[in-house]
Amino acid sequence: MKKVITGAAMLISGVIGFVGWFIACALTVQPGARSRVWGCLNGMEWIPVIVFTVLAVYGLLLALKGMKDE
C-alpha cells in the first residue's frame, strides 16, 4: 500500500508541476504573441518540464506496480 500512495503522490506532484510550469511560462509572454503554449518555453525552461514529466511517469509506474503486487 505504501508504493501505491507514494506513486500516486509522485504522479499528482509531477502533473501539477508540469501544468504549473507551463502556466508560469505562458504568463511571461505578451498575450497573443505565441500561438501555442509549447512556444512559450525557451532554452533552459525545458529542464523542469522534463523533470516533472519523468516524476509523473515514474509515479504512475510505481503506483501500478504497487497495485499489481497487492
PDB file of N, CA and C in Angstrom:
ATOM      1  N   MET A   1       0.820  -1.201   0.000  1.00  0.00           N
ATOM      2  CA  MET A   1       0.000   0.000   0.000  1.00  0.00           C
ATOM      3  C   MET A   1       0.861   1.261   0.000  1.00  0.00           C
ATOM      4  N   LYS A   2       2.059   1.166   0.593  1.00  0.00           N
ATOM      5  CA  LYS A   2       2.938   2.333   0.616  1.00  0.00           C
ATOM      6  C   LYS A   2       3.359   2.744  -0.786  1.00  0.00           C
ATOM      7  N   LYS A   3       3.621   1.749  -1.649  1.00  0.00           N
ATOM      8  CA  LYS A   3       4.046   2.065  -3.009  1.00  0.00           C
ATOM      9  C   LYS A   3       2.931   2.748  -3.790  1.00  0.00           C
ATOM     10  N   VAL A   4       1.707   2.328  -3.548  1.00  0.00           N
ATOM     11  CA  VAL A   4       0.580   2.929  -4.269  1.00  0.00           C
ATOM     12  C   VAL A   4       0.413   4.389  -3.860  1.00  0.00           C
ATOM     13  N   ILE A   5       0.467   4.655  -2.571  1.00  0.00           N
ATOM     14  CA  ILE A   5       0.304   6.026  -2.084  1.00  0.00           C
ATOM     15  C   ILE A   5       1.474   6.902  -2.524  1.00  0.00           C
ATOM     16  N   THR A   6       2.691   6.373  -2.425  1.00  0.00           N
ATOM     17  CA  THR A   6       3.858   7.132  -2.861  1.00  0.00           C
ATOM     18  C   THR A   6       3.811   7.402  -4.356  1.00  0.00           C
ATOM     19  N   GLY A   7       3.457   6.396  -5.134  1.00  0.00           N
ATOM     20  CA  GLY A   7       3.356   6.568  -6.581  1.00  0.00           C
ATOM     21  C   GLY A   7       2.282   7.568  -6.971  1.00  0.00           C
ATOM     22  N   ALA A   8       1.124   7.497  -6.300  1.00  0.00           N
ATOM     23  CA  ALA A   8       0.049   8.441  -6.594  1.00  0.00           C
ATOM     24  C   ALA A   8       0.460   9.868  -6.237  1.00  0.00           C
ATOM     25  N   ALA A   9       1.164  10.028  -5.117  1.00  0.00           N
ATOM     26  CA  ALA A   9       1.632  11.368  -4.728  1.00  0.00           C
ATOM     27  C   ALA A   9       2.651  11.904  -5.728  1.00  0.00           C
ATOM     28  N   MET A  10       3.542  11.037  -6.205  1.00  0.00           N
ATOM     29  CA  MET A  10       4.519  11.465  -7.196  1.00  0.00           C
ATOM     30  C   MET A  10       3.843  11.816  -8.521  1.00  0.00           C
ATOM     31  N   LEU A  11       2.840  11.035  -8.896  1.00  0.00           N
ATOM     32  CA  LEU A  11       2.100  11.305 -10.128  1.00  0.00           C
ATOM     33  C   LEU A  11       1.390  12.654 -10.061  1.00  0.00           C
ATOM     34  N   ILE A  12       0.711  12.902  -8.975  1.00  0.00           N
ATOM     35  CA  ILE A  12      -0.005  14.176  -8.817  1.00  0.00           C
ATOM     36  C   ILE A  12       0.973  15.343  -8.761  1.00  0.00           C
ATOM     37  N   SER A  13       2.088  15.174  -8.054  1.00  0.00           N
ATOM     38  CA  SER A  13       3.088  16.239  -7.976  1.00  0.00           C
ATOM     39  C   SER A  13       3.677  16.550  -9.341  1.00  0.00           C
ATOM     40  N   GLY A  14       3.965  15.516 -10.111  1.00  0.00           N
ATOM     41  CA  GLY A  14       4.514  15.726 -11.443  1.00  0.00           C
ATOM     42  C   GLY A  14       3.550  16.434 -12.366  1.00  0.00           C
ATOM     43  N   VAL A  15       2.285  16.046 -12.325  1.00  0.00           N
ATOM     44  CA  VAL A  15       1.284  16.676 -13.193  1.00  0.00           C
ATOM     45  C   VAL A  15       1.054  18.132 -12.789  1.00  0.00           C
ATOM     46  N   ILE A  16       0.934  18.388 -11.494  1.00  0.00           N
ATOM     47  CA  ILE A  16       0.723  19.763 -11.031  1.00  0.00           C
ATOM     48  C   ILE A  16       1.938  20.633 -11.358  1.00  0.00           C
ATOM     49  N   GLY A  17       3.141  20.107 -11.171  1.00  0.00           N
ATOM     50  CA  GLY A  17       4.345  20.855 -11.515  1.00  0.00           C
ATOM     51  C   GLY A  17       4.449  21.137 -13.001  1.00  0.00           C
ATOM     52  N   PHE A  18       4.106  20.136 -13.820  1.00  0.00           N
ATOM     53  CA  PHE A  18       4.134  20.282 -15.272  1.00  0.00           C
ATOM     54  C   PHE A  18       3.184  21.380 -15.728  1.00  0.00           C
ATOM     55  N   VAL A  19       1.960  21.320 -15.268  1.00  0.00           N
ATOM     56  CA  VAL A  19       0.958  22.320 -15.665  1.00  0.00           C
ATOM     57  C   VAL A  19       1.309  23.692 -15.097  1.00  0.00           C
ATOM     58  N   GLY A  20       1.758  23.723 -13.865  1.00  0.00           N
ATOM     59  CA  GLY A  20       2.129  24.991 -13.241  1.00  0.00           C
ATOM     60  C   GLY A  20       3.279  25.672 -13.953  1.00  0.00           C
ATOM     61  N   TRP A  21       4.256  24.882 -14.389  1.00  0.00           N
ATOM     62  CA  TRP A  21       5.397  25.472 -15.097  1.00  0.00           C
ATOM     63  C   TRP A  21       4.952  26.053 -16.437  1.00  0.00           C
ATOM     64  N   PHE A  22       4.058  25.333 -17.129  1.00  0.00           N
ATOM     65  CA  PHE A  22       3.561  25.855 -18.396  1.00  0.00           C
ATOM     66  C   PHE A  22       2.752  27.134 -18.187  1.00  0.00           C
ATOM     67  N   ILE A  23       1.966  27.195 -17.138  1.00  0.00           N
ATOM     68  CA  ILE A  23       1.201  28.415 -16.858  1.00  0.00           C
ATOM     69  C   ILE A  23       2.147  29.574 -16.555  1.00  0.00           C
ATOM     70  N   ALA A  24       3.182  29.312 -15.765  1.00  0.00           N
ATOM     71  CA  ALA A  24       4.140  30.363 -15.439  1.00  0.00           C
ATOM     72  C   ALA A  24       4.874  30.856 -16.681  1.00  0.00           C
ATOM     73  N   CYS A  25       5.237  29.944 -17.568  1.00  0.00           N
ATOM     74  CA  CYS A  25       5.915  30.348 -18.808  1.00  0.00           C
ATOM     75  C   CYS A  25       4.980  31.110 -19.737  1.00  0.00           C
ATOM     76  N   ALA A  26       3.721  30.709 -19.774  1.00  0.00           N
ATOM     77  CA  ALA A  26       2.760  31.391 -20.642  1.00  0.00           C
ATOM     78  C   ALA A  26       2.469  32.802 -20.158  1.00  0.00           C
ATOM     79  N   LEU A  27       2.579  33.030 -18.865  1.00  0.00           N
ATOM     80  CA  LEU A  27       2.312  34.371 -18.330  1.00  0.00           C
ATOM     81  C   LEU A  27       3.468  35.343 -18.553  1.00  0.00           C
ATOM     82  N   THR A  28       4.623  34.833 -18.962  1.00  0.00           N
ATOM     83  CA  THR A  28       5.777  35.713 -19.168  1.00  0.00           C
ATOM     84  C   THR A  28       5.806  36.341 -20.552  1.00  0.00           C
ATOM     85  N   VAL A  29       4.968  35.885 -21.479  1.00  0.00           N
ATOM     86  CA  VAL A  29       4.953  36.446 -22.834  1.00  0.00           C
ATOM     87  C   VAL A  29       3.731  37.347 -23.002  1.00  0.00           C
ATOM     88  N   GLN A  30       3.773  38.184 -24.006  1.00  0.00           N
ATOM     89  CA  GLN A  30       2.655  39.079 -24.298  1.00  0.00           C
ATOM     90  C   GLN A  30       1.451  38.261 -24.758  1.00  0.00           C
ATOM     91  N   PRO A  31       0.240  38.646 -24.354  1.00  0.00           N
ATOM     92  CA  PRO A  31      -0.952  37.926 -24.816  1.00  0.00           C
ATOM     93  C   PRO A  31      -1.061  37.957 -26.336  1.00  0.00           C
ATOM     94  N   GLY A  32      -1.227  36.786 -26.925  1.00  0.00           N
ATOM     95  CA  GLY A  32      -1.360  36.671 -28.365  1.00  0.00           C
ATOM     96  C   GLY A  32      -0.049  36.612 -29.118  1.00  0.00           C
ATOM     97  N   ALA A  33       1.082  36.701 -28.419  1.00  0.00           N
ATOM     98  CA  ALA A  33       2.378  36.694 -29.100  1.00  0.00           C
ATOM     99  C   ALA A  33       2.742  35.304 -29.615  1.00  0.00           C
ATOM    100  N   ARG A  34       2.299  34.279 -28.922  1.00  0.00           N
ATOM    101  CA  ARG A  34       2.592  32.895 -29.327  1.00  0.00           C
ATOM    102  C   ARG A  34       1.285  32.174 -29.588  1.00  0.00           C
ATOM    103  N   SER A  35       1.284  31.351 -30.620  1.00  0.00           N
ATOM    104  CA  SER A  35       0.058  30.638 -30.951  1.00  0.00           C
ATOM    105  C   SER A  35      -0.087  29.342 -30.157  1.00  0.00           C
ATOM    106  N   ARG A  36       0.997  28.820 -29.620  1.00  0.00           N
ATOM    107  CA  ARG A  36       0.958  27.580 -28.853  1.00  0.00           C
ATOM    108  C   ARG A  36       1.658  27.774 -27.515  1.00  0.00           C
ATOM    109  N   VAL A  37       1.244  26.979 -26.551  1.00  0.00           N
ATOM    110  CA  VAL A  37       1.877  27.044 -25.231  1.00  0.00           C
ATOM    111  C   VAL A  37       3.296  26.503 -25.314  1.00  0.00           C
ATOM    112  N   TRP A  38       3.527  25.517 -26.169  1.00  0.00           N
ATOM    113  CA  TRP A  38       4.869  24.954 -26.312  1.00  0.00           C
ATOM    114  C   TRP A  38       5.872  26.003 -26.770  1.00  0.00           C
ATOM    115  N   GLY A  39       5.401  27.004 -27.497  1.00  0.00           N
ATOM    116  CA  GLY A  39       6.275  28.062 -27.973  1.00  0.00           C
ATOM    117  C   GLY A  39       6.729  29.009 -26.883  1.00  0.00           C
ATOM    118  N   CYS A  40       6.102  28.960 -25.725  1.00  0.00           N
ATOM    119  CA  CYS A  40       6.469  29.846 -24.617  1.00  0.00           C
ATOM    120  C   CYS A  40       7.724  29.369 -23.889  1.00  0.00           C
ATOM    121  N   LEU A  41       8.095  28.115 -24.100  1.00  0.00           N
ATOM    122  CA  LEU A  41       9.285  27.582 -23.437  1.00  0.00           C
ATOM    123  C   LEU A  41      10.527  27.940 -24.240  1.00  0.00           C
ATOM    124  N   ASN A  42      11.480  28.551 -23.581  1.00  0.00           N
ATOM    125  CA  ASN A  42      12.719  28.961 -24.247  1.00  0.00           C
ATOM    126  C   ASN A  42      13.917  28.428 -23.481  1.00  0.00           C
ATOM    127  N   GLY A  43      14.856  27.864 -24.185  1.00  0.00           N
ATOM    128  CA  GLY A  43      16.144  27.482 -23.607  1.00  0.00           C
ATOM    129  C   GLY A  43      16.069  26.529 -22.433  1.00  0.00           C
ATOM    130  N   MET A  44      16.486  27.005 -21.278  1.00  0.00           N
ATOM    131  CA  MET A  44      16.617  26.167 -20.093  1.00  0.00           C
ATOM    132  C   MET A  44      15.280  25.857 -19.421  1.00  0.00           C
ATOM    133  N   GLU A  45      14.199  26.418 -19.897  1.00  0.00           N
ATOM    134  CA  GLU A  45      12.886  26.161 -19.298  1.00  0.00           C
ATOM    135  C   GLU A  45      12.389  24.752 -19.598  1.00  0.00           C
ATOM    136  N   TRP A  46      13.039  24.055 -20.513  1.00  0.00           N
ATOM    137  CA  TRP A  46      12.639  22.683 -20.820  1.00  0.00           C
ATOM    138  C   TRP A  46      13.080  21.714 -19.727  1.00  0.00           C
ATOM    139  N   ILE A  47      14.129  22.032 -18.985  1.00  0.00           N
ATOM    140  CA  ILE A  47      14.656  21.110 -17.976  1.00  0.00           C
ATOM    141  C   ILE A  47      13.626  20.815 -16.888  1.00  0.00           C
ATOM    142  N   PRO A  48      12.985  21.800 -16.255  1.00  0.00           N
ATOM    143  CA  PRO A  48      11.967  21.474 -15.254  1.00  0.00           C
ATOM    144  C   PRO A  48      10.775  20.716 -15.832  1.00  0.00           C
ATOM    145  N   VAL A  49      10.424  21.017 -17.082  1.00  0.00           N
ATOM    146  CA  VAL A  49       9.308  20.307 -17.719  1.00  0.00           C
ATOM    147  C   VAL A  49       9.657  18.829 -17.854  1.00  0.00           C
ATOM    148  N   ILE A  50      10.873  18.538 -18.268  1.00  0.00           N
ATOM    149  CA  ILE A  50      11.309  17.146 -18.398  1.00  0.00           C
ATOM    150  C   ILE A  50      11.365  16.467 -17.037  1.00  0.00           C
ATOM    151  N   VAL A  51      11.844  17.173 -16.022  1.00  0.00           N
ATOM    152  CA  VAL A  51      11.913  16.599 -14.668  1.00  0.00           C
ATOM    153  C   VAL A  51      10.513  16.273 -14.151  1.00  0.00           C
ATOM    154  N   PHE A  52       9.568  17.182 -14.332  1.00  0.00           N
ATOM    155  CA  PHE A  52       8.196  16.920 -13.884  1.00  0.00           C
ATOM    156  C   PHE A  52       7.559  15.783 -14.667  1.00  0.00           C
ATOM    157  N   THR A  53       7.882  15.667 -15.946  1.00  0.00           N
ATOM    158  CA  THR A  53       7.352  14.566 -16.746  1.00  0.00           C
ATOM    159  C   THR A  53       7.900  13.235 -16.270  1.00  0.00           C
ATOM    160  N   VAL A  54       9.192  13.176 -16.012  1.00  0.00           N
ATOM    161  CA  VAL A  54       9.804  11.943 -15.503  1.00  0.00           C
ATOM    162  C   VAL A  54       9.221  11.588 -14.136  1.00  0.00           C
ATOM    163  N   LEU A  55       9.009  12.582 -13.290  1.00  0.00           N
ATOM    164  CA  LEU A  55       8.416  12.341 -11.970  1.00  0.00           C
ATOM    165  C   LEU A  55       7.015  11.760 -12.091  1.00  0.00           C
ATOM    166  N   ALA A  56       6.215  12.285 -12.988  1.00  0.00           N
ATOM    167  CA  ALA A  56       4.850  11.789 -13.174  1.00  0.00           C
ATOM    168  C   ALA A  56       4.842  10.373 -13.733  1.00  0.00           C
ATOM    169  N   VAL A  57       5.688  10.104 -14.709  1.00  0.00           N
ATOM    170  CA  VAL A  57       5.730   8.764 -15.309  1.00  0.00           C
ATOM    171  C   VAL A  57       6.243   7.742 -14.299  1.00  0.00           C
ATOM    172  N   TYR A  58       7.287   8.098 -13.551  1.00  0.00           N
ATOM    173  CA  TYR A  58       7.809   7.184 -12.539  1.00  0.00           C
ATOM    174  C   TYR A  58       6.771   6.926 -11.451  1.00  0.00           C
ATOM    175  N   GLY A  59       6.048   7.951 -11.047  1.00  0.00           N
ATOM    176  CA  GLY A  59       4.998   7.777 -10.051  1.00  0.00           C
ATOM    177  C   GLY A  59       3.885   6.876 -10.548  1.00  0.00           C
ATOM    178  N   LEU A  60       3.512   7.025 -11.811  1.00  0.00           N
ATOM    179  CA  LEU A  60       2.489   6.156 -12.392  1.00  0.00           C
ATOM    180  C   LEU A  60       2.954   4.707 -12.409  1.00  0.00           C
ATOM    181  N   LEU A  61       4.184   4.472 -12.837  1.00  0.00           N
ATOM    182  CA  LEU A  61       4.699   3.105 -12.883  1.00  0.00           C
ATOM    183  C   LEU A  61       4.820   2.505 -11.483  1.00  0.00           C
ATOM    184  N   LEU A  62       5.235   3.308 -10.521  1.00  0.00           N
ATOM    185  CA  LEU A  62       5.350   2.819  -9.149  1.00  0.00           C
ATOM    186  C   LEU A  62       3.975   2.473  -8.563  1.00  0.00           C
ATOM    187  N   ALA A  63       2.995   3.296  -8.837  1.00  0.00           N
ATOM    188  CA  ALA A  63       1.641   3.023  -8.343  1.00  0.00           C
ATOM    189  C   ALA A  63       1.069   1.768  -9.001  1.00  0.00           C
ATOM    190  N   LEU A  64       1.287   1.605 -10.289  1.00  0.00           N
ATOM    191  CA  LEU A  64       0.784   0.409 -10.965  1.00  0.00           C
ATOM    192  C   LEU A  64       1.483  -0.851 -10.469  1.00  0.00           C
ATOM    193  N   LYS A  65       2.777  -0.755 -10.215  1.00  0.00           N
ATOM    194  CA  LYS A  65       3.496  -1.900  -9.670  1.00  0.00           C
ATOM    195  C   LYS A  65       3.022  -2.245  -8.273  1.00  0.00           C
ATOM    196  N   GLY A  66       2.753  -1.231  -7.467  1.00  0.00           N
ATOM    197  CA  GLY A  66       2.250  -1.448  -6.122  1.00  0.00           C
ATOM    198  C   GLY A  66       0.870  -2.103  -6.122  1.00  0.00           C
ATOM    199  N   MET A  67       0.014  -1.699  -7.076  1.00  0.00           N
ATOM    200  CA  MET A  67      -1.311  -2.317  -7.174  1.00  0.00           C
ATOM    201  C   MET A  67      -1.222  -3.752  -7.667  1.00  0.00           C
ATOM    202  N   LYS A  68      -0.287  -4.007  -8.549  1.00  0.00           N
ATOM    203  CA  LYS A  68      -0.103  -5.350  -9.083  1.00  0.00           C
ATOM    204  C   LYS A  68       0.403  -6.312  -8.004  1.00  0.00           C
ATOM    205  N   ASP A  69       1.274  -5.836  -7.125  1.00  0.00           N
ATOM    206  CA  ASP A  69       1.833  -6.679  -6.073  1.00  0.00           C
ATOM    207  C   ASP A  69       0.805  -7.049  -5.021  1.00  0.00           C
ATOM    208  N   GLU A  70      -0.188  -6.196  -4.817  1.00  0.00           N
ATOM    209  CA  GLU A  70      -1.174  -6.468  -3.758  1.00  0.00           C
ATOM    210  C   GLU A  70      -2.324  -7.256  -4.226  1.00  0.00           C
TER     211      GLU A  70
END
